[in-house]
């Protein structure tokens, strides 16, 4: 019953998220030939400004299929959409005064079990939202005369999933304190925005940012998984979910 209720609470967010990322991944792959033609015809870019250097980097990366996918999908679309749906899947459905949630808390099951079931369902949904599009990229690359290894796609997806799980855990923790969906969602997204802004304002922070981990930049540039970053992100998400369980247990409704 708990699994089913958690699914009912999040099914539309999951379905919409999976559909959007699958379509986005498919269109990104199919758009590569057109981007190649545009890059070949692109005029020289003035790199004396920060914007010019960023555009030059994107053009340079987009000259190859692997660089194009990382710049357009893993570093941009998947990062933004993955963060958004991680937060959406973790928000709400725990202490709201409508929809039978207080009745759920009164059932003869521990609140810890209730929260961990909710977290497990959300993480499985997030896993599918992240991994299915990544595998689709590897499967559809031959349609444009290119190839992208399933191993590379899985490695990128691992980075995105583990890091995004931290934002899921944050939204879940906030949902044990607020009775609506909107405040946990907006606060968690604001945290993600601040982290992204810090990367822009303080470049040395980029190497330690969870958003950099989400892009899989280490995998792209070195071919190796960033084990230390993954361990730190996994520890962070685990602690956030554990704190959420403790917070839900001690609250008086």
C-alpha atoms as a PDB file:
ATOM      1  CA  UNK A   1       0.000   0.000   0.000  1.00  0.00           C
ATOM      2  CA  UNK A   2       2.775   2.447   0.899  1.00  0.00           C
ATOM      3  CA  UNK A   3       4.565   1.759  -2.374  1.00  0.00           C
ATOM      4  CA  UNK A   4       1.359   2.260  -4.318  1.00  0.00           C
ATOM      5  CA  UNK A   5       0.534   5.544  -2.574  1.00  0.00           C
ATOM      6  CA  UNK A   6       4.048   6.843  -3.209  1.00  0.00           C
ATOM      7  CA  UNK A   7       3.601   5.934  -6.865  1.00  0.00           C
ATOM      8  CA  UNK A   8       0.235   7.690  -7.037  1.00  0.00           C
ATOM      9  CA  UNK A   9       1.757  10.817  -5.477  1.00  0.00           C
ATOM     10  CA  UNK A  10       4.536  11.044  -8.051  1.00  0.00           C
ATOM     11  CA  UNK A  11       3.375   9.190 -11.160  1.00  0.00           C
ATOM     12  CA  UNK A  12       2.575  12.270 -13.251  1.00  0.00           C
ATOM     13  CA  UNK A  13       5.819  14.020 -12.350  1.00  0.00           C
ATOM     14  CA  UNK A  14       7.719  10.862 -13.256  1.00  0.00           C
ATOM     15  CA  UNK A  15       5.815  10.265 -16.493  1.00  0.00           C
ATOM     16  CA  UNK A  16       6.192  13.856 -17.674  1.00  0.00           C
ATOM     17  CA  UNK A  17       9.858  13.961 -16.694  1.00  0.00           C
ATOM     18  CA  UNK A  18      10.672  10.692 -18.461  1.00  0.00           C
ATOM     19  CA  UNK A  19       8.791  11.756 -21.594  1.00  0.00           C
ATOM     20  CA  UNK A  20      10.508  15.160 -21.729  1.00  0.00           C
ATOM     21  CA  UNK A  21      14.014  13.798 -21.229  1.00  0.00           C
ATOM     22  CA  UNK A  22      13.516  10.940 -23.693  1.00  0.00           C
ATOM     23  CA  UNK A  23      12.244  13.359 -26.342  1.00  0.00           C
ATOM     24  CA  UNK A  24      15.038  15.809 -25.526  1.00  0.00           C
ATOM     25  CA  UNK A  25      17.732  13.135 -25.842  1.00  0.00           C
ATOM     26  CA  UNK A  26      16.294  11.907 -29.142  1.00  0.00           C
ATOM     27  CA  UNK A  27      16.103  15.423 -30.609  1.00  0.00           C
ATOM     28  CA  UNK A  28      19.632  16.219 -29.401  1.00  0.00           C
ATOM     29  CA  UNK A  29      21.057  13.244 -31.277  1.00  0.00           C
ATOM     30  CA  UNK A  30      19.043  13.933 -34.432  1.00  0.00           C
ATOM     31  CA  UNK A  31      20.061  17.600 -34.354  1.00  0.00           C
ATOM     32  CA  UNK A  32      23.775  16.838 -34.629  1.00  0.00           C
ATOM     33  CA  UNK A  33      24.056  16.963 -38.470  1.00  0.00           C
ATOM     34  CA  UNK A  34      22.475  20.408 -38.564  1.00  0.00           C
ATOM     35  CA  UNK A  35      24.730  21.664 -35.773  1.00  0.00           C
ATOM     36  CA  UNK A  36      27.757  20.344 -37.676  1.00  0.00           C
ATOM     37  CA  UNK A  37      26.792  22.409 -40.705  1.00  0.00           C
ATOM     38  CA  UNK A  38      26.236  25.510 -38.570  1.00  0.00           C
ATOM     39  CA  UNK A  39      29.582  25.086 -36.820  1.00  0.00           C
ATOM     40  CA  UNK A  40      31.383  24.708 -40.156  1.00  0.00           C
ATOM     41  CA  UNK A  41      29.833  27.959 -41.376  1.00  0.00           C
ATOM     42  CA  UNK A  42      30.286  29.864 -38.113  1.00  0.00           C
ATOM     43  CA  UNK A  43      32.411  33.024 -38.328  1.00  0.00           C
ATOM     44  CA  UNK A  44      35.376  33.610 -36.052  1.00  0.00           C
ATOM     45  CA  UNK A  45      34.349  34.412 -32.480  1.00  0.00           C
ATOM     46  CA  UNK A  46      35.905  37.205 -30.474  1.00  0.00           C
ATOM     47  CA  UNK A  47      37.331  35.536 -27.370  1.00  0.00           C
ATOM     48  CA  UNK A  48      38.295  38.747 -25.595  1.00  0.00           C
ATOM     49  CA  UNK A  49      35.090  38.624 -23.528  1.00  0.00           C
ATOM     50  CA  UNK A  50      33.783  35.959 -21.152  1.00  0.00           C
ATOM     51  CA  UNK A  51      30.742  35.351 -23.372  1.00  0.00           C
ATOM     52  CA  UNK A  52      32.959  35.030 -26.424  1.00  0.00           C
ATOM     53  CA  UNK A  53      35.147  32.455 -24.688  1.00  0.00           C
ATOM     54  CA  UNK A  54      32.091  30.443 -23.656  1.00  0.00           C
ATOM     55  CA  UNK A  55      30.686  30.476 -27.196  1.00  0.00           C
ATOM     56  CA  UNK A  56      34.057  29.524 -28.612  1.00  0.00           C
ATOM     57  CA  UNK A  57      34.255  26.564 -26.233  1.00  0.00           C
ATOM     58  CA  UNK A  58      30.778  25.368 -27.230  1.00  0.00           C
ATOM     59  CA  UNK A  59      31.626  25.650 -30.939  1.00  0.00           C
ATOM     60  CA  UNK A  60      34.890  23.792 -30.382  1.00  0.00           C
ATOM     61  CA  UNK A  61      33.189  21.000 -28.446  1.00  0.00           C
ATOM     62  CA  UNK A  62      30.410  20.696 -31.026  1.00  0.00           C
ATOM     63  CA  UNK A  63      32.875  19.833 -33.808  1.00  0.00           C
ATOM     64  CA  UNK A  64      32.830  16.241 -32.562  1.00  0.00           C
ATOM     65  CA  UNK A  65      29.831  14.076 -31.656  1.00  0.00           C
ATOM     66  CA  UNK A  66      31.101  13.221 -28.179  1.00  0.00           C
ATOM     67  CA  UNK A  67      31.868  16.855 -27.330  1.00  0.00           C
ATOM     68  CA  UNK A  68      28.551  17.959 -28.812  1.00  0.00           C
ATOM     69  CA  UNK A  69      26.601  15.531 -26.626  1.00  0.00           C
ATOM     70  CA  UNK A  70      28.419  16.593 -23.494  1.00  0.00           C
ATOM     71  CA  UNK A  71      28.028  20.324 -24.211  1.00  0.00           C
ATOM     72  CA  UNK A  72      24.408  20.196 -25.352  1.00  0.00           C
ATOM     73  CA  UNK A  73      22.957  17.325 -23.326  1.00  0.00           C
ATOM     74  CA  UNK A  74      24.915  16.304 -20.241  1.00  0.00           C
ATOM     75  CA  UNK A  75      26.208  19.772 -19.344  1.00  0.00           C
ATOM     76  CA  UNK A  76      23.022  21.635 -20.191  1.00  0.00           C
ATOM     77  CA  UNK A  77      19.659  19.941 -20.800  1.00  0.00           C
ATOM     78  CA  UNK A  78      20.143  16.824 -18.660  1.00  0.00           C
ATOM     79  CA  UNK A  79      21.665  18.907 -15.862  1.00  0.00           C
ATOM     80  CA  UNK A  80      18.778  21.373 -15.769  1.00  0.00           C
ATOM     81  CA  UNK A  81      15.963  18.879 -16.301  1.00  0.00           C
ATOM     82  CA  UNK A  82      17.528  16.296 -14.004  1.00  0.00           C
ATOM     83  CA  UNK A  83      17.755  18.824 -11.180  1.00  0.00           C
ATOM     84  CA  UNK A  84      14.204  20.017 -11.758  1.00  0.00           C
ATOM     85  CA  UNK A  85      12.626  16.565 -11.701  1.00  0.00           C
ATOM     86  CA  UNK A  86      14.774  15.361  -8.809  1.00  0.00           C
ATOM     87  CA  UNK A  87      13.328  18.233  -6.796  1.00  0.00           C
ATOM     88  CA  UNK A  88       9.782  17.621  -8.069  1.00  0.00           C
ATOM     89  CA  UNK A  89       9.927  13.921  -7.181  1.00  0.00           C
ATOM     90  CA  UNK A  90      11.146  14.728  -3.668  1.00  0.00           C
ATOM     91  CA  UNK A  91       8.656  17.498  -2.945  1.00  0.00           C
ATOM     92  CA  UNK A  92       5.344  17.090  -1.105  1.00  0.00           C
ATOM     93  CA  UNK A  93       3.219  14.085  -0.310  1.00  0.00           C
ATOM     94  CA  UNK A  94       4.288  13.637   3.315  1.00  0.00           C
ATOM     95  CA  UNK A  95       2.604  16.040   5.748  1.00  0.00           C
ATOM     96  CA  UNK A  96      -0.021  17.894   3.718  1.00  0.00           C
ATOM     97  CA  UNK A  97      -3.403  18.239   5.343  1.00  0.00           C
ATOM     98  CA  UNK A  98      -5.260  17.182   2.221  1.00  0.00           C
ATOM     99  CA  UNK A  99      -5.291  14.092   0.072  1.00  0.00           C
ATOM    100  CA  UNK A 100      -5.274  11.652   3.000  1.00  0.00           C
ATOM    101  CA  UNK A 101      -1.670  12.224   4.054  1.00  0.00           C
ATOM    102  CA  UNK A 102      -2.526  12.604   7.748  1.00  0.00           C
ATOM    103  CA  UNK A 103      -4.526   9.393   7.473  1.00  0.00           C
ATOM    104  CA  UNK A 104      -1.433   7.726   6.018  1.00  0.00           C
ATOM    105  CA  UNK A 105       0.622   8.874   9.012  1.00  0.00           C
ATOM    106  CA  UNK A 106      -1.937   7.234  11.315  1.00  0.00           C
ATOM    107  CA  UNK A 107      -1.551   3.792   9.723  1.00  0.00           C
ATOM    108  CA  UNK A 108       0.071   1.012  11.809  1.00  0.00           C
ATOM    109  CA  UNK A 109       3.466   1.431  10.152  1.00  0.00           C
ATOM    110  CA  UNK A 110       6.420   3.416  11.380  1.00  0.00           C
ATOM    111  CA  UNK A 111       6.992   6.872   9.976  1.00  0.00           C
ATOM    112  CA  UNK A 112      10.535   5.804   9.161  1.00  0.00           C
ATOM    113  CA  UNK A 113       9.221   3.040   6.950  1.00  0.00           C
ATOM    114  CA  UNK A 114       6.776   5.482   5.357  1.00  0.00           C
ATOM    115  CA  UNK A 115       9.519   7.938   4.475  1.00  0.00           C
ATOM    116  CA  UNK A 116      12.014   5.336   3.272  1.00  0.00           C
ATOM    117  CA  UNK A 117       9.341   3.802   1.042  1.00  0.00           C
ATOM    118  CA  UNK A 118       8.589   7.231  -0.387  1.00  0.00           C
ATOM    119  CA  UNK A 119      12.310   7.843  -0.909  1.00  0.00           C
ATOM    120  CA  UNK A 120      12.866   4.463  -2.551  1.00  0.00           C
ATOM    121  CA  UNK A 121      10.036   4.994  -5.043  1.00  0.00           C
ATOM    122  CA  UNK A 122      11.265   8.491  -5.855  1.00  0.00           C
ATOM    123  CA  UNK A 123      14.849   7.330  -6.357  1.00  0.00           C
ATOM    124  CA  UNK A 124      13.764   4.500  -8.655  1.00  0.00           C
ATOM    125  CA  UNK A 125      11.778   7.012 -10.708  1.00  0.00           C
ATOM    126  CA  UNK A 126      14.747   9.393 -10.796  1.00  0.00           C
ATOM    127  CA  UNK A 127      16.996   6.512 -11.845  1.00  0.00           C
ATOM    128  CA  UNK A 128      14.750   5.758 -14.823  1.00  0.00           C
ATOM    129  CA  UNK A 129      14.453   9.435 -15.765  1.00  0.00           C
ATOM    130  CA  UNK A 130      18.252   9.691 -15.870  1.00  0.00           C
ATOM    131  CA  UNK A 131      19.307   6.338 -17.313  1.00  0.00           C
ATOM    132  CA  UNK A 132      16.706   5.737 -20.028  1.00  0.00           C
ATOM    133  CA  UNK A 133      17.582   8.909 -22.016  1.00  0.00           C
ATOM    134  CA  UNK A 134      21.327   8.219 -21.634  1.00  0.00           C
ATOM    135  CA  UNK A 135      20.918   4.704 -23.040  1.00  0.00           C
ATOM    136  CA  UNK A 136      18.667   6.074 -25.784  1.00  0.00           C
ATOM    137  CA  UNK A 137      21.491   8.394 -26.872  1.00  0.00           C
ATOM    138  CA  UNK A 138      23.848   5.429 -27.264  1.00  0.00           C
ATOM    139  CA  UNK A 139      21.178   3.432 -29.105  1.00  0.00           C
ATOM    140  CA  UNK A 140      20.182   6.175 -31.560  1.00  0.00           C
ATOM    141  CA  UNK A 141      23.650   7.566 -32.340  1.00  0.00           C
ATOM    142  CA  UNK A 142      24.022   5.283 -35.418  1.00  0.00           C
ATOM    143  CA  UNK A 143      20.960   7.032 -36.918  1.00  0.00           C
ATOM    144  CA  UNK A 144      23.181  10.071 -37.588  1.00  0.00           C
ATOM    145  CA  UNK A 145      26.220   8.053 -38.586  1.00  0.00           C
ATOM    146  CA  UNK A 146      27.928   8.327 -35.209  1.00  0.00           C
ATOM    147  CA  UNK A 147      28.552   6.089 -32.220  1.00  0.00           C
ATOM    148  CA  UNK A 148      28.435   6.611 -28.475  1.00  0.00           C
ATOM    149  CA  UNK A 149      29.356   3.733 -26.191  1.00  0.00           C
ATOM    150  CA  UNK A 150      26.840   2.361 -23.724  1.00  0.00           C
ATOM    151  CA  UNK A 151      29.589   2.335 -21.101  1.00  0.00           C
ATOM    152  CA  UNK A 152      30.194   6.056 -21.531  1.00  0.00           C
ATOM    153  CA  UNK A 153      26.460   6.746 -21.431  1.00  0.00           C
ATOM    154  CA  UNK A 154      26.091   4.726 -18.223  1.00  0.00           C
ATOM    155  CA  UNK A 155      29.066   6.493 -16.600  1.00  0.00           C
ATOM    156  CA  UNK A 156      27.568   9.906 -17.397  1.00  0.00           C
ATOM    157  CA  UNK A 157      24.182   8.768 -16.086  1.00  0.00           C
ATOM    158  CA  UNK A 158      25.747   7.525 -12.828  1.00  0.00           C
ATOM    159  CA  UNK A 159      27.227  10.986 -12.191  1.00  0.00           C
ATOM    160  CA  UNK A 160      23.918  12.688 -12.966  1.00  0.00           C
ATOM    161  CA  UNK A 161      21.845  10.305 -10.837  1.00  0.00           C
ATOM    162  CA  UNK A 162      24.065  10.297  -7.748  1.00  0.00           C
ATOM    163  CA  UNK A 163      24.433  14.088  -7.711  1.00  0.00           C
ATOM    164  CA  UNK A 164      20.750  14.709  -8.489  1.00  0.00           C
ATOM    165  CA  UNK A 165      19.846  12.400  -5.582  1.00  0.00           C
ATOM    166  CA  UNK A 166      21.224  15.062  -3.225  1.00  0.00           C
ATOM    167  CA  UNK A 167      18.661  17.576  -4.516  1.00  0.00           C
ATOM    168  CA  UNK A 168      15.991  14.875  -4.208  1.00  0.00           C
ATOM    169  CA  UNK A 169      17.031  14.331  -0.581  1.00  0.00           C
ATOM    170  CA  UNK A 170      16.950  18.063   0.118  1.00  0.00           C
ATOM    171  CA  UNK A 171      13.429  18.400  -1.298  1.00  0.00           C
ATOM    172  CA  UNK A 172      12.317  15.347   0.693  1.00  0.00           C
ATOM    173  CA  UNK A 173      13.748  16.807   3.900  1.00  0.00           C
ATOM    174  CA  UNK A 174      11.993  20.125   3.291  1.00  0.00           C
ATOM    175  CA  UNK A 175       8.752  18.228   2.648  1.00  0.00           C
ATOM    176  CA  UNK A 176       8.802  16.979   6.249  1.00  0.00           C
ATOM    177  CA  UNK A 177       8.669  20.595   7.421  1.00  0.00           C
ATOM    178  CA  UNK A 178       6.200  22.153   4.969  1.00  0.00           C
ATOM    179  CA  UNK A 179       2.679  20.942   4.195  1.00  0.00           C
ATOM    180  CA  UNK A 180       2.654  22.040   0.551  1.00  0.00           C
ATOM    181  CA  UNK A 181       4.563  21.065  -2.569  1.00  0.00           C
ATOM    182  CA  UNK A 182       5.617  24.563  -3.573  1.00  0.00           C
ATOM    183  CA  UNK A 183       7.868  25.674  -0.715  1.00  0.00           C
ATOM    184  CA  UNK A 184      10.109  22.568  -0.697  1.00  0.00           C
ATOM    185  CA  UNK A 185      10.339  22.744  -4.479  1.00  0.00           C
ATOM    186  CA  UNK A 186      11.155  26.465  -4.622  1.00  0.00           C
ATOM    187  CA  UNK A 187      13.695  26.338  -1.778  1.00  0.00           C
ATOM    188  CA  UNK A 188      15.515  23.334  -3.266  1.00  0.00           C
ATOM    189  CA  UNK A 189      15.589  24.953  -6.718  1.00  0.00           C
ATOM    190  CA  UNK A 190      16.848  28.175  -5.134  1.00  0.00           C
ATOM    191  CA  UNK A 191      19.718  26.211  -3.579  1.00  0.00           C
ATOM    192  CA  UNK A 192      20.566  24.761  -6.994  1.00  0.00           C
ATOM    193  CA  UNK A 193      20.447  28.261  -8.494  1.00  0.00           C
ATOM    194  CA  UNK A 194      22.790  29.650  -5.828  1.00  0.00           C
ATOM    195  CA  UNK A 195      25.249  26.811  -6.435  1.00  0.00           C
ATOM    196  CA  UNK A 196      25.150  27.531 -10.169  1.00  0.00           C
ATOM    197  CA  UNK A 197      25.633  31.252  -9.538  1.00  0.00           C
ATOM    198  CA  UNK A 198      28.595  30.531  -7.278  1.00  0.00           C
ATOM    199  CA  UNK A 199      30.226  28.613 -10.125  1.00  0.00           C
ATOM    200  CA  UNK A 200      29.949  31.680 -12.357  1.00  0.00           C
ATOM    201  CA  UNK A 201      31.098  34.213  -9.765  1.00  0.00           C
ATOM    202  CA  UNK A 202      33.866  32.092  -8.228  1.00  0.00           C
ATOM    203  CA  UNK A 203      35.501  29.886 -10.914  1.00  0.00           C
ATOM    204  CA  UNK A 204      37.679  27.927  -8.414  1.00  0.00           C
ATOM    205  CA  UNK A 205      34.412  26.614  -6.905  1.00  0.00           C
ATOM    206  CA  UNK A 206      33.618  24.798 -10.171  1.00  0.00           C
ATOM    207  CA  UNK A 207      35.912  21.882  -9.366  1.00  0.00           C
ATOM    208  CA  UNK A 208      34.056  21.181  -6.098  1.00  0.00           C
ATOM    209  CA  UNK A 209      30.507  21.929  -7.221  1.00  0.00           C
ATOM    210  CA  UNK A 210      27.869  19.220  -7.173  1.00  0.00           C
ATOM    211  CA  UNK A 211      26.598  20.604 -10.472  1.00  0.00           C
ATOM    212  CA  UNK A 212      29.978  19.892 -12.064  1.00  0.00           C
ATOM    213  CA  UNK A 213      29.688  16.332 -10.784  1.00  0.00           C
ATOM    214  CA  UNK A 214      26.235  16.094 -12.358  1.00  0.00           C
ATOM    215  CA  UNK A 215      27.598  16.990 -15.791  1.00  0.00           C
ATOM    216  CA  UNK A 216      30.054  14.104 -15.714  1.00  0.00           C
ATOM    217  CA  UNK A 217      32.891  16.408 -16.771  1.00  0.00           C
ATOM    218  CA  UNK A 218      35.524  14.120 -15.267  1.00  0.00           C
ATOM    219  CA  UNK A 219      34.161  11.197 -17.296  1.00  0.00           C
ATOM    220  CA  UNK A 220      34.150  13.324 -20.443  1.00  0.00           C
ATOM    221  CA  UNK A 221      37.686  14.663 -20.033  1.00  0.00           C
ATOM    222  CA  UNK A 222      39.472  11.681 -18.483  1.00  0.00           C
ATOM    223  CA  UNK A 223      37.246   8.653 -19.091  1.00  0.00           C
ATOM    224  CA  UNK A 224      37.190   7.836 -15.379  1.00  0.00           C
ATOM    225  CA  UNK A 225      34.440   8.105 -12.792  1.00  0.00           C
ATOM    226  CA  UNK A 226      35.008  10.740 -10.061  1.00  0.00           C
ATOM    227  CA  UNK A 227      34.790   8.268  -7.202  1.00  0.00           C
ATOM    228  CA  UNK A 228      35.511  10.795  -4.451  1.00  0.00           C
ATOM    229  CA  UNK A 229      32.808  13.159  -5.712  1.00  0.00           C
ATOM    230  CA  UNK A 230      30.307  10.329  -6.112  1.00  0.00           C
ATOM    231  CA  UNK A 231      31.001   9.089  -2.584  1.00  0.00           C
ATOM    232  CA  UNK A 232      30.543  12.595  -1.168  1.00  0.00           C
ATOM    233  CA  UNK A 233      27.291  13.133  -3.072  1.00  0.00           C
ATOM    234  CA  UNK A 234      25.971   9.721  -2.019  1.00  0.00           C
ATOM    235  CA  UNK A 235      26.833  10.472   1.609  1.00  0.00           C
ATOM    236  CA  UNK A 236      25.086  13.837   1.356  1.00  0.00           C
ATOM    237  CA  UNK A 237      21.888  12.403  -0.120  1.00  0.00           C
ATOM    238  CA  UNK A 238      21.876   9.560   2.433  1.00  0.00           C
ATOM    239  CA  UNK A 239      22.272  12.006   5.314  1.00  0.00           C
ATOM    240  CA  UNK A 240      19.503  14.246   3.960  1.00  0.00           C
ATOM    241  CA  UNK A 241      17.098  11.316   3.644  1.00  0.00           C
ATOM    242  CA  UNK A 242      18.074  10.057   7.103  1.00  0.00           C
ATOM    243  CA  UNK A 243      17.502  13.520   8.574  1.00  0.00           C
ATOM    244  CA  UNK A 244      14.128  13.654   6.820  1.00  0.00           C
ATOM    245  CA  UNK A 245      13.158  10.351   8.479  1.00  0.00           C
ATOM    246  CA  UNK A 246      14.217  11.645  11.896  1.00  0.00           C
ATOM    247  CA  UNK A 247      12.342  14.908  11.347  1.00  0.00           C
ATOM    248  CA  UNK A 248       9.147  13.114  10.302  1.00  0.00           C
ATOM    249  CA  UNK A 249       9.371  10.763  13.290  1.00  0.00           C
ATOM    250  CA  UNK A 250       9.610  13.485  15.902  1.00  0.00           C
ATOM    251  CA  UNK A 251       6.987  15.811  14.460  1.00  0.00           C
ATOM    252  CA  UNK A 252       3.612  16.086  16.231  1.00  0.00           C
ATOM    253  CA  UNK A 253       0.584  16.240  13.907  1.00  0.00           C
END
